[in-house]
Amino acid sequence: MSDHLTPGHRLLLEFVDLPQLIEGVPGDADLINAGLNSGDLIRLALALEERTGTPLDDDELGALHTLDGINQVLVSREAAELTDAAATAPAAATASGEAR
């Protein structure tokens, strides 16, 4: 596989039956039309939910039909995790007596 693959490419490669289909697929191409099946997309959605610990909302599920959409979901989930971590860090420090 090439080094030019996006995080969406790499994640999707874990769940597809024919990985050779993914490398040449443009970011905005419909993945079902590119040869993926619904089972691949379901496995992807479940893996994203498992990795982030929260269910995907309707907009996120709808975005999973393209690599650009998968990348967008990954970026937004990562940003949300960073925001949550930053918001809980001061509270955790206060609770442990570190911040006074």
PDB file of N, CA and C in Angstrom:
ATOM      1  N   MET A   1       0.829  -1.192   0.000  1.00  0.00           N
ATOM      2  CA  MET A   1       0.000   0.000   0.000  1.00  0.00           C
ATOM      3  C   MET A   1       0.871   1.251   0.000  1.00  0.00           C
ATOM      4  N   SER A   2       0.358   2.299  -0.512  1.00  0.00           N
ATOM      5  CA  SER A   2       1.110   3.538  -0.648  1.00  0.00           C
ATOM      6  C   SER A   2       1.073   4.365   0.621  1.00  0.00           C
ATOM      7  N   ASP A   3       2.058   5.268   0.711  1.00  0.00           N
ATOM      8  CA  ASP A   3       2.123   6.175   1.844  1.00  0.00           C
ATOM      9  C   ASP A   3       1.120   7.315   1.725  1.00  0.00           C
ATOM     10  N   HIS A   4       0.514   7.497   0.544  1.00  0.00           N
ATOM     11  CA  HIS A   4      -0.402   8.615   0.325  1.00  0.00           C
ATOM     12  C   HIS A   4      -1.809   8.349   0.869  1.00  0.00           C
ATOM     13  N   LEU A   5      -2.032   7.229   1.495  1.00  0.00           N
ATOM     14  CA  LEU A   5      -3.366   6.891   1.976  1.00  0.00           C
ATOM     15  C   LEU A   5      -3.751   7.766   3.161  1.00  0.00           C
ATOM     16  N   THR A   6      -4.984   8.223   3.151  1.00  0.00           N
ATOM     17  CA  THR A   6      -5.508   9.040   4.242  1.00  0.00           C
ATOM     18  C   THR A   6      -5.862   8.149   5.427  1.00  0.00           C
ATOM     19  N   PRO A   7      -6.124   8.748   6.597  1.00  0.00           N
ATOM     20  CA  PRO A   7      -6.587   7.934   7.728  1.00  0.00           C
ATOM     21  C   PRO A   7      -7.859   7.153   7.387  1.00  0.00           C
ATOM     22  N   GLY A   8      -8.728   7.741   6.570  1.00  0.00           N
ATOM     23  CA  GLY A   8      -9.938   7.038   6.149  1.00  0.00           C
ATOM     24  C   GLY A   8      -9.624   5.813   5.316  1.00  0.00           C
ATOM     25  N   HIS A   9      -8.667   5.941   4.396  1.00  0.00           N
ATOM     26  CA  HIS A   9      -8.218   4.786   3.610  1.00  0.00           C
ATOM     27  C   HIS A   9      -7.714   3.686   4.545  1.00  0.00           C
ATOM     28  N   ARG A  10      -6.810   4.061   5.454  1.00  0.00           N
ATOM     29  CA  ARG A  10      -6.193   3.059   6.332  1.00  0.00           C
ATOM     30  C   ARG A  10      -7.228   2.374   7.216  1.00  0.00           C
ATOM     31  N   LEU A  11      -8.170   3.143   7.752  1.00  0.00           N
ATOM     32  CA  LEU A  11      -9.206   2.549   8.594  1.00  0.00           C
ATOM     33  C   LEU A  11     -10.100   1.629   7.778  1.00  0.00           C
ATOM     34  N   LEU A  12     -10.514   2.074   6.621  1.00  0.00           N
ATOM     35  CA  LEU A  12     -11.396   1.268   5.786  1.00  0.00           C
ATOM     36  C   LEU A  12     -10.722  -0.024   5.339  1.00  0.00           C
ATOM     37  N   LEU A  13      -9.432   0.015   5.119  1.00  0.00           N
ATOM     38  CA  LEU A  13      -8.705  -1.183   4.695  1.00  0.00           C
ATOM     39  C   LEU A  13      -8.804  -2.318   5.715  1.00  0.00           C
ATOM     40  N   GLU A  14      -9.075  -1.981   6.966  1.00  0.00           N
ATOM     41  CA  GLU A  14      -9.230  -3.009   7.992  1.00  0.00           C
ATOM     42  C   GLU A  14     -10.532  -3.792   7.828  1.00  0.00           C
ATOM     43  N   PHE A  15     -11.489  -3.252   7.077  1.00  0.00           N
ATOM     44  CA  PHE A  15     -12.834  -3.824   7.058  1.00  0.00           C
ATOM     45  C   PHE A  15     -13.339  -4.260   5.697  1.00  0.00           C
ATOM     46  N   VAL A  16     -12.544  -4.094   4.673  1.00  0.00           N
ATOM     47  CA  VAL A  16     -13.034  -4.448   3.341  1.00  0.00           C
ATOM     48  C   VAL A  16     -12.561  -5.833   2.933  1.00  0.00           C
ATOM     49  N   ASP A  17     -13.381  -6.477   2.133  1.00  0.00           N
ATOM     50  CA  ASP A  17     -13.044  -7.808   1.642  1.00  0.00           C
ATOM     51  C   ASP A  17     -12.032  -7.760   0.494  1.00  0.00           C
ATOM     52  N   LEU A  18     -12.005  -6.659  -0.254  1.00  0.00           N
ATOM     53  CA  LEU A  18     -11.094  -6.510  -1.396  1.00  0.00           C
ATOM     54  C   LEU A  18     -10.293  -5.217  -1.245  1.00  0.00           C
ATOM     55  N   PRO A  19      -9.226  -5.234  -0.446  1.00  0.00           N
ATOM     56  CA  PRO A  19      -8.493  -3.992  -0.177  1.00  0.00           C
ATOM     57  C   PRO A  19      -7.930  -3.309  -1.414  1.00  0.00           C
ATOM     58  N   GLN A  20      -7.676  -4.049  -2.485  1.00  0.00           N
ATOM     59  CA  GLN A  20      -7.131  -3.421  -3.690  1.00  0.00           C
ATOM     60  C   GLN A  20      -8.107  -2.417  -4.301  1.00  0.00           C
ATOM     61  N   LEU A  21      -9.376  -2.477  -3.938  1.00  0.00           N
ATOM     62  CA  LEU A  21     -10.360  -1.515  -4.442  1.00  0.00           C
ATOM     63  C   LEU A  21     -10.145  -0.125  -3.854  1.00  0.00           C
ATOM     64  N   ILE A  22      -9.610  -0.052  -2.653  1.00  0.00           N
ATOM     65  CA  ILE A  22      -9.590   1.201  -1.909  1.00  0.00           C
ATOM     66  C   ILE A  22      -8.509   2.168  -2.368  1.00  0.00           C
ATOM     67  N   GLU A  23      -7.329   1.680  -2.685  1.00  0.00           N
ATOM     68  CA  GLU A  23      -6.199   2.575  -2.939  1.00  0.00           C
ATOM     69  C   GLU A  23      -6.468   3.586  -4.048  1.00  0.00           C
ATOM     70  N   GLY A  24      -7.116   3.200  -5.116  1.00  0.00           N
ATOM     71  CA  GLY A  24      -7.335   4.117  -6.222  1.00  0.00           C
ATOM     72  C   GLY A  24      -8.637   4.891  -6.169  1.00  0.00           C
ATOM     73  N   VAL A  25      -9.395   4.757  -5.109  1.00  0.00           N
ATOM     74  CA  VAL A  25     -10.703   5.410  -5.021  1.00  0.00           C
ATOM     75  C   VAL A  25     -10.531   6.874  -4.627  1.00  0.00           C
ATOM     76  N   PRO A  26     -11.068   7.807  -5.428  1.00  0.00           N
ATOM     77  CA  PRO A  26     -11.017   9.224  -5.047  1.00  0.00           C
ATOM     78  C   PRO A  26     -11.829   9.477  -3.782  1.00  0.00           C
ATOM     79  N   GLY A  27     -11.467  10.522  -3.067  1.00  0.00           N
ATOM     80  CA  GLY A  27     -12.113  10.828  -1.799  1.00  0.00           C
ATOM     81  C   GLY A  27     -13.602  11.056  -1.881  1.00  0.00           C
ATOM     82  N   ASP A  28     -14.078  11.588  -3.011  1.00  0.00           N
ATOM     83  CA  ASP A  28     -15.499  11.906  -3.119  1.00  0.00           C
ATOM     84  C   ASP A  28     -16.312  10.815  -3.818  1.00  0.00           C
ATOM     85  N   ALA A  29     -15.676   9.706  -4.160  1.00  0.00           N
ATOM     86  CA  ALA A  29     -16.382   8.620  -4.854  1.00  0.00           C
ATOM     87  C   ALA A  29     -17.261   7.844  -3.886  1.00  0.00           C
ATOM     88  N   ASP A  30     -18.436   7.448  -4.353  1.00  0.00           N
ATOM     89  CA  ASP A  30     -19.330   6.621  -3.549  1.00  0.00           C
ATOM     90  C   ASP A  30     -18.699   5.237  -3.403  1.00  0.00           C
ATOM     91  N   LEU A  31     -18.506   4.807  -2.168  1.00  0.00           N
ATOM     92  CA  LEU A  31     -17.791   3.556  -1.913  1.00  0.00           C
ATOM     93  C   LEU A  31     -18.562   2.325  -2.371  1.00  0.00           C
ATOM     94  N   ILE A  32     -19.886   2.376  -2.323  1.00  0.00           N
ATOM     95  CA  ILE A  32     -20.680   1.243  -2.808  1.00  0.00           C
ATOM     96  C   ILE A  32     -20.490   1.104  -4.319  1.00  0.00           C
ATOM     97  N   ASN A  33     -20.502   2.227  -5.035  1.00  0.00           N
ATOM     98  CA  ASN A  33     -20.260   2.185  -6.483  1.00  0.00           C
ATOM     99  C   ASN A  33     -18.835   1.747  -6.810  1.00  0.00           C
ATOM    100  N   ALA A  34     -17.911   1.942  -5.865  1.00  0.00           N
ATOM    101  CA  ALA A  34     -16.517   1.539  -6.070  1.00  0.00           C
ATOM    102  C   ALA A  34     -16.305   0.052  -5.807  1.00  0.00           C
ATOM    103  N   GLY A  35     -17.332  -0.628  -5.297  1.00  0.00           N
ATOM    104  CA  GLY A  35     -17.219  -2.068  -5.110  1.00  0.00           C
ATOM    105  C   GLY A  35     -17.312  -2.561  -3.682  1.00  0.00           C
ATOM    106  N   LEU A  36     -17.471  -1.657  -2.720  1.00  0.00           N
ATOM    107  CA  LEU A  36     -17.638  -2.107  -1.343  1.00  0.00           C
ATOM    108  C   LEU A  36     -19.050  -2.603  -1.137  1.00  0.00           C
ATOM    109  N   ASN A  37     -19.234  -3.394  -0.102  1.00  0.00           N
ATOM    110  CA  ASN A  37     -20.585  -3.862   0.191  1.00  0.00           C
ATOM    111  C   ASN A  37     -21.061  -3.253   1.502  1.00  0.00           C
ATOM    112  N   SER A  38     -22.332  -3.388   1.764  1.00  0.00           N
ATOM    113  CA  SER A  38     -22.913  -2.780   2.958  1.00  0.00           C
ATOM    114  C   SER A  38     -22.305  -3.354   4.234  1.00  0.00           C
ATOM    115  N   GLY A  39     -21.907  -4.607   4.202  1.00  0.00           N
ATOM    116  CA  GLY A  39     -21.268  -5.212   5.375  1.00  0.00           C
ATOM    117  C   GLY A  39     -19.965  -4.523   5.737  1.00  0.00           C
ATOM    118  N   ASP A  40     -19.191  -4.130   4.714  1.00  0.00           N
ATOM    119  CA  ASP A  40     -17.947  -3.399   4.960  1.00  0.00           C
ATOM    120  C   ASP A  40     -18.233  -2.088   5.686  1.00  0.00           C
ATOM    121  N   LEU A  41     -19.250  -1.372   5.227  1.00  0.00           N
ATOM    122  CA  LEU A  41     -19.582  -0.084   5.837  1.00  0.00           C
ATOM    123  C   LEU A  41     -20.143  -0.256   7.243  1.00  0.00           C
ATOM    124  N   ILE A  42     -20.892  -1.317   7.474  1.00  0.00           N
ATOM    125  CA  ILE A  42     -21.411  -1.589   8.815  1.00  0.00           C
ATOM    126  C   ILE A  42     -20.257  -1.897   9.763  1.00  0.00           C
ATOM    127  N   ARG A  43     -19.304  -2.717   9.324  1.00  0.00           N
ATOM    128  CA  ARG A  43     -18.134  -3.015  10.162  1.00  0.00           C
ATOM    129  C   ARG A  43     -17.349  -1.743  10.467  1.00  0.00           C
ATOM    130  N   LEU A  44     -17.235  -0.866   9.490  1.00  0.00           N
ATOM    131  CA  LEU A  44     -16.552   0.406   9.693  1.00  0.00           C
ATOM    132  C   LEU A  44     -17.273   1.244  10.748  1.00  0.00           C
ATOM    133  N   ALA A  45     -18.587   1.371  10.616  1.00  0.00           N
ATOM    134  CA  ALA A  45     -19.364   2.164  11.572  1.00  0.00           C
ATOM    135  C   ALA A  45     -19.232   1.599  12.983  1.00  0.00           C
ATOM    136  N   LEU A  46     -19.336   0.298  13.123  1.00  0.00           N
ATOM    137  CA  LEU A  46     -19.207  -0.326  14.442  1.00  0.00           C
ATOM    138  C   LEU A  46     -17.819  -0.111  15.032  1.00  0.00           C
ATOM    139  N   ALA A  47     -16.798  -0.196  14.200  1.00  0.00           N
ATOM    140  CA  ALA A  47     -15.432   0.022  14.685  1.00  0.00           C
ATOM    141  C   ALA A  47     -15.231   1.465  15.145  1.00  0.00           C
ATOM    142  N   LEU A  48     -15.774   2.416  14.401  1.00  0.00           N
ATOM    143  CA  LEU A  48     -15.671   3.818  14.808  1.00  0.00           C
ATOM    144  C   LEU A  48     -16.363   4.046  16.146  1.00  0.00           C
ATOM    145  N   GLU A  49     -17.531   3.459  16.313  1.00  0.00           N
ATOM    146  CA  GLU A  49     -18.245   3.598  17.578  1.00  0.00           C
ATOM    147  C   GLU A  49     -17.466   2.957  18.721  1.00  0.00           C
ATOM    148  N   GLU A  50     -16.897   1.794  18.465  1.00  0.00           N
ATOM    149  CA  GLU A  50     -16.137   1.098  19.500  1.00  0.00           C
ATOM    150  C   GLU A  50     -14.883   1.881  19.886  1.00  0.00           C
ATOM    151  N   ARG A  51     -14.189   2.401  18.910  1.00  0.00           N
ATOM    152  CA  ARG A  51     -12.945   3.133  19.182  1.00  0.00           C
ATOM    153  C   ARG A  51     -13.180   4.436  19.921  1.00  0.00           C
ATOM    154  N   THR A  52     -14.301   5.092  19.630  1.00  0.00           N
ATOM    155  CA  THR A  52     -14.557   6.383  20.269  1.00  0.00           C
ATOM    156  C   THR A  52     -15.446   6.267  21.494  1.00  0.00           C
ATOM    157  N   GLY A  53     -16.088   5.134  21.665  1.00  0.00           N
ATOM    158  CA  GLY A  53     -16.928   4.934  22.841  1.00  0.00           C
ATOM    159  C   GLY A  53     -18.276   5.625  22.780  1.00  0.00           C
ATOM    160  N   THR A  54     -18.637   6.159  21.622  1.00  0.00           N
ATOM    161  CA  THR A  54     -19.939   6.809  21.471  1.00  0.00           C
ATOM    162  C   THR A  54     -20.552   6.426  20.131  1.00  0.00           C
ATOM    163  N   PRO A  55     -21.882   6.374  20.088  1.00  0.00           N
ATOM    164  CA  PRO A  55     -22.547   6.041  18.825  1.00  0.00           C
ATOM    165  C   PRO A  55     -22.364   7.154  17.793  1.00  0.00           C
ATOM    166  N   LEU A  56     -22.358   6.765  16.540  1.00  0.00           N
ATOM    167  CA  LEU A  56     -22.342   7.740  15.456  1.00  0.00           C
ATOM    168  C   LEU A  56     -23.734   8.337  15.321  1.00  0.00           C
ATOM    169  N   ASP A  57     -23.801   9.645  15.055  1.00  0.00           N
ATOM    170  CA  ASP A  57     -25.115  10.241  14.823  1.00  0.00           C
ATOM    171  C   ASP A  57     -25.503  10.038  13.355  1.00  0.00           C
ATOM    172  N   ASP A  58     -26.708  10.455  13.013  1.00  0.00           N
ATOM    173  CA  ASP A  58     -27.215  10.231  11.651  1.00  0.00           C
ATOM    174  C   ASP A  58     -26.333  10.878  10.585  1.00  0.00           C
ATOM    175  N   ASP A  59     -25.859  12.099  10.853  1.00  0.00           N
ATOM    176  CA  ASP A  59     -25.000  12.778   9.879  1.00  0.00           C
ATOM    177  C   ASP A  59     -23.689  12.026   9.681  1.00  0.00           C
ATOM    178  N   GLU A  60     -23.111  11.527  10.775  1.00  0.00           N
ATOM    179  CA  GLU A  60     -21.861  10.774  10.668  1.00  0.00           C
ATOM    180  C   GLU A  60     -22.073   9.475   9.895  1.00  0.00           C
ATOM    181  N   LEU A  61     -23.159   8.777  10.193  1.00  0.00           N
ATOM    182  CA  LEU A  61     -23.451   7.544   9.454  1.00  0.00           C
ATOM    183  C   LEU A  61     -23.620   7.826   7.968  1.00  0.00           C
ATOM    184  N   GLY A  62     -24.304   8.907   7.645  1.00  0.00           N
ATOM    185  CA  GLY A  62     -24.511   9.270   6.249  1.00  0.00           C
ATOM    186  C   GLY A  62     -23.225   9.640   5.536  1.00  0.00           C
ATOM    187  N   ALA A  63     -22.241  10.123   6.287  1.00  0.00           N
ATOM    188  CA  ALA A  63     -20.970  10.539   5.690  1.00  0.00           C
ATOM    189  C   ALA A  63     -20.061   9.368   5.350  1.00  0.00           C
ATOM    190  N   LEU A  64     -20.342   8.193   5.869  1.00  0.00           N
ATOM    191  CA  LEU A  64     -19.440   7.057   5.693  1.00  0.00           C
ATOM    192  C   LEU A  64     -19.451   6.462   4.293  1.00  0.00           C
ATOM    193  N   HIS A  65     -20.218   7.016   3.372  1.00  0.00           N
ATOM    194  CA  HIS A  65     -20.280   6.444   2.022  1.00  0.00           C
ATOM    195  C   HIS A  65     -19.155   6.935   1.114  1.00  0.00           C
ATOM    196  N   THR A  66     -18.316   7.881   1.587  1.00  0.00           N
ATOM    197  CA  THR A  66     -17.141   8.320   0.826  1.00  0.00           C
ATOM    198  C   THR A  66     -15.928   8.366   1.749  1.00  0.00           C
ATOM    199  N   LEU A  67     -14.736   8.309   1.167  1.00  0.00           N
ATOM    200  CA  LEU A  67     -13.518   8.437   1.970  1.00  0.00           C
ATOM    201  C   LEU A  67     -13.403   9.835   2.570  1.00  0.00           C
ATOM    202  N   ASP A  68     -13.820  10.858   1.834  1.00  0.00           N
ATOM    203  CA  ASP A  68     -13.817  12.211   2.391  1.00  0.00           C
ATOM    204  C   ASP A  68     -14.709  12.275   3.625  1.00  0.00           C
ATOM    205  N   GLY A  69     -15.868  11.630   3.555  1.00  0.00           N
ATOM    206  CA  GLY A  69     -16.775  11.600   4.693  1.00  0.00           C
ATOM    207  C   GLY A  69     -16.184  10.868   5.885  1.00  0.00           C
ATOM    208  N   ILE A  70     -15.526   9.746   5.620  1.00  0.00           N
ATOM    209  CA  ILE A  70     -14.879   8.988   6.699  1.00  0.00           C
ATOM    210  C   ILE A  70     -13.803   9.853   7.351  1.00  0.00           C
ATOM    211  N   ASN A  71     -13.008  10.531   6.532  1.00  0.00           N
ATOM    212  CA  ASN A  71     -11.972  11.413   7.078  1.00  0.00           C
ATOM    213  C   ASN A  71     -12.579  12.537   7.906  1.00  0.00           C
ATOM    214  N   GLN A  72     -13.696  13.086   7.447  1.00  0.00           N
ATOM    215  CA  GLN A  72     -14.369  14.154   8.184  1.00  0.00           C
ATOM    216  C   GLN A  72     -14.839  13.651   9.546  1.00  0.00           C
ATOM    217  N   VAL A  73     -15.414  12.460   9.589  1.00  0.00           N
ATOM    218  CA  VAL A  73     -15.864  11.882  10.856  1.00  0.00           C
ATOM    219  C   VAL A  73     -14.668  11.655  11.777  1.00  0.00           C
ATOM    220  N   LEU A  74     -13.577  11.125  11.240  1.00  0.00           N
ATOM    221  CA  LEU A  74     -12.382  10.891  12.056  1.00  0.00           C
ATOM    222  C   LEU A  74     -11.852  12.194  12.645  1.00  0.00           C
ATOM    223  N   VAL A  75     -11.779  13.243  11.831  1.00  0.00           N
ATOM    224  CA  VAL A  75     -11.277  14.533  12.303  1.00  0.00           C
ATOM    225  C   VAL A  75     -12.202  15.119  13.365  1.00  0.00           C
ATOM    226  N   SER A  76     -13.510  15.073  13.136  1.00  0.00           N
ATOM    227  CA  SER A  76     -14.438  15.649  14.111  1.00  0.00           C
ATOM    228  C   SER A  76     -14.430  14.863  15.414  1.00  0.00           C
ATOM    229  N   ARG A  77     -14.309  13.541  15.332  1.00  0.00           N
ATOM    230  CA  ARG A  77     -14.233  12.718  16.543  1.00  0.00           C
ATOM    231  C   ARG A  77     -12.943  13.007  17.315  1.00  0.00           C
ATOM    232  N   GLU A  78     -11.835  13.152  16.595  1.00  0.00           N
ATOM    233  CA  GLU A  78     -10.566  13.452  17.243  1.00  0.00           C
ATOM    234  C   GLU A  78     -10.624  14.821  17.918  1.00  0.00           C
ATOM    235  N   ALA A  79     -11.209  15.804  17.243  1.00  0.00           N
ATOM    236  CA  ALA A  79     -11.344  17.140  17.815  1.00  0.00           C
ATOM    237  C   ALA A  79     -12.227  17.104  19.055  1.00  0.00           C
ATOM    238  N   ALA A  80     -13.302  16.333  19.013  1.00  0.00           N
ATOM    239  CA  ALA A  80     -14.193  16.223  20.167  1.00  0.00           C
ATOM    240  C   ALA A  80     -13.476  15.575  21.345  1.00  0.00           C
ATOM    241  N   GLU A  81     -12.662  14.557  21.075  1.00  0.00           N
ATOM    242  CA  GLU A  81     -11.907  13.902  22.144  1.00  0.00           C
ATOM    243  C   GLU A  81     -10.915  14.873  22.775  1.00  0.00           C
ATOM    244  N   LEU A  82     -10.235  15.679  21.960  1.00  0.00           N
ATOM    245  CA  LEU A  82      -9.288  16.659  22.488  1.00  0.00           C
ATOM    246  C   LEU A  82      -9.996  17.716  23.319  1.00  0.00           C
ATOM    247  N   THR A  83     -11.159  18.171  22.848  1.00  0.00           N
ATOM    248  CA  THR A  83     -11.938  19.157  23.587  1.00  0.00           C
ATOM    249  C   THR A  83     -12.403  18.586  24.918  1.00  0.00           C
ATOM    250  N   ASP A  84     -12.898  17.355  24.901  1.00  0.00           N
ATOM    251  CA  ASP A  84     -13.338  16.707  26.136  1.00  0.00           C
ATOM    252  C   ASP A  84     -12.184  16.534  27.109  1.00  0.00           C
ATOM    253  N   ALA A  85     -11.023  16.142  26.612  1.00  0.00           N
ATOM    254  CA  ALA A  85      -9.856  15.950  27.471  1.00  0.00           C
ATOM    255  C   ALA A  85      -9.422  17.271  28.091  1.00  0.00           C
ATOM    256  N   ALA A  86      -9.441  18.336  27.314  1.00  0.00           N
ATOM    257  CA  ALA A  86      -9.052  19.646  27.826  1.00  0.00           C
ATOM    258  C   ALA A  86     -10.048  20.147  28.862  1.00  0.00           C
ATOM    259  N   ALA A  87     -11.317  19.855  28.661  1.00  0.00           N
ATOM    260  CA  ALA A  87     -12.345  20.308  29.596  1.00  0.00           C
ATOM    261  C   ALA A  87     -12.301  19.537  30.904  1.00  0.00           C
ATOM    262  N   THR A  88     -11.933  18.273  30.868  1.00  0.00           N
ATOM    263  CA  THR A  88     -11.922  17.468  32.089  1.00  0.00           C
ATOM    264  C   THR A  88     -10.609  17.564  32.846  1.00  0.00           C
ATOM    265  N   ALA A  89      -9.527  17.995  32.209  1.00  0.00           N
ATOM    266  CA  ALA A  89      -8.230  18.076  32.882  1.00  0.00           C
ATOM    267  C   ALA A  89      -8.252  19.023  34.081  1.00  0.00           C
ATOM    268  N   PRO A  90      -8.778  20.259  33.976  1.00  0.00           N
ATOM    269  CA  PRO A  90      -8.814  21.135  35.155  1.00  0.00           C
ATOM    270  C   PRO A  90      -9.689  20.570  36.274  1.00  0.00           C
ATOM    271  N   ALA A  91     -10.799  19.946  35.914  1.00  0.00           N
ATOM    272  CA  ALA A  91     -11.677  19.366  36.928  1.00  0.00           C
ATOM    273  C   ALA A  91     -10.984  18.217  37.645  1.00  0.00           C
ATOM    274  N   ALA A  92     -10.251  17.404  36.917  1.00  0.00           N
ATOM    275  CA  ALA A  92      -9.534  16.283  37.526  1.00  0.00           C
ATOM    276  C   ALA A  92      -8.427  16.793  38.435  1.00  0.00           C
ATOM    277  N   ALA A  93      -7.728  17.842  38.023  1.00  0.00           N
ATOM    278  CA  ALA A  93      -6.665  18.402  38.849  1.00  0.00           C
ATOM    279  C   ALA A  93      -7.228  19.000  40.127  1.00  0.00           C
ATOM    280  N   THR A  94      -8.364  19.683  40.043  1.00  0.00           N
ATOM    281  CA  THR A  94      -9.000  20.259  41.217  1.00  0.00           C
ATOM    282  C   THR A  94      -9.461  19.166  42.164  1.00  0.00           C
ATOM    283  N   ALA A  95     -10.046  18.126  41.624  1.00  0.00           N
ATOM    284  CA  ALA A  95     -10.539  17.026  42.446  1.00  0.00           C
ATOM    285  C   ALA A  95      -9.401  16.320  43.170  1.00  0.00           C
ATOM    286  N   SER A  96      -8.228  16.261  42.574  1.00  0.00           N
ATOM    287  CA  SER A  96      -7.109  15.569  43.213  1.00  0.00           C
ATOM    288  C   SER A  96      -6.299  16.503  44.101  1.00  0.00           C
ATOM    289  N   GLY A  97      -6.677  17.781  44.133  1.00  0.00           N
ATOM    290  CA  GLY A  97      -5.988  18.735  44.984  1.00  0.00           C
ATOM    291  C   GLY A  97      -4.761  19.353  44.344  1.00  0.00           C
ATOM    292  N   GLU A  98      -4.534  19.118  43.074  1.00  0.00           N
ATOM    293  CA  GLU A  98      -3.355  19.651  42.394  1.00  0.00           C
ATOM    294  C   GLU A  98      -3.494  21.130  42.069  1.00  0.00           C
ATOM    295  N   ALA A  99      -4.668  21.566  41.710  1.00  0.00           N
ATOM    296  CA  ALA A  99      -4.873  22.970  41.338  1.00  0.00           C
ATOM    297  C   ALA A  99      -5.462  23.710  42.521  1.00  0.00           C
ATOM    298  N   ARG A 100      -4.744  24.715  43.006  1.00  0.00           N
ATOM    299  CA  ARG A 100      -5.234  25.497  44.148  1.00  0.00           C
ATOM    300  C   ARG A 100      -4.981  26.941  43.917  1.00  0.00           C
TER     301      ARG A 100
END
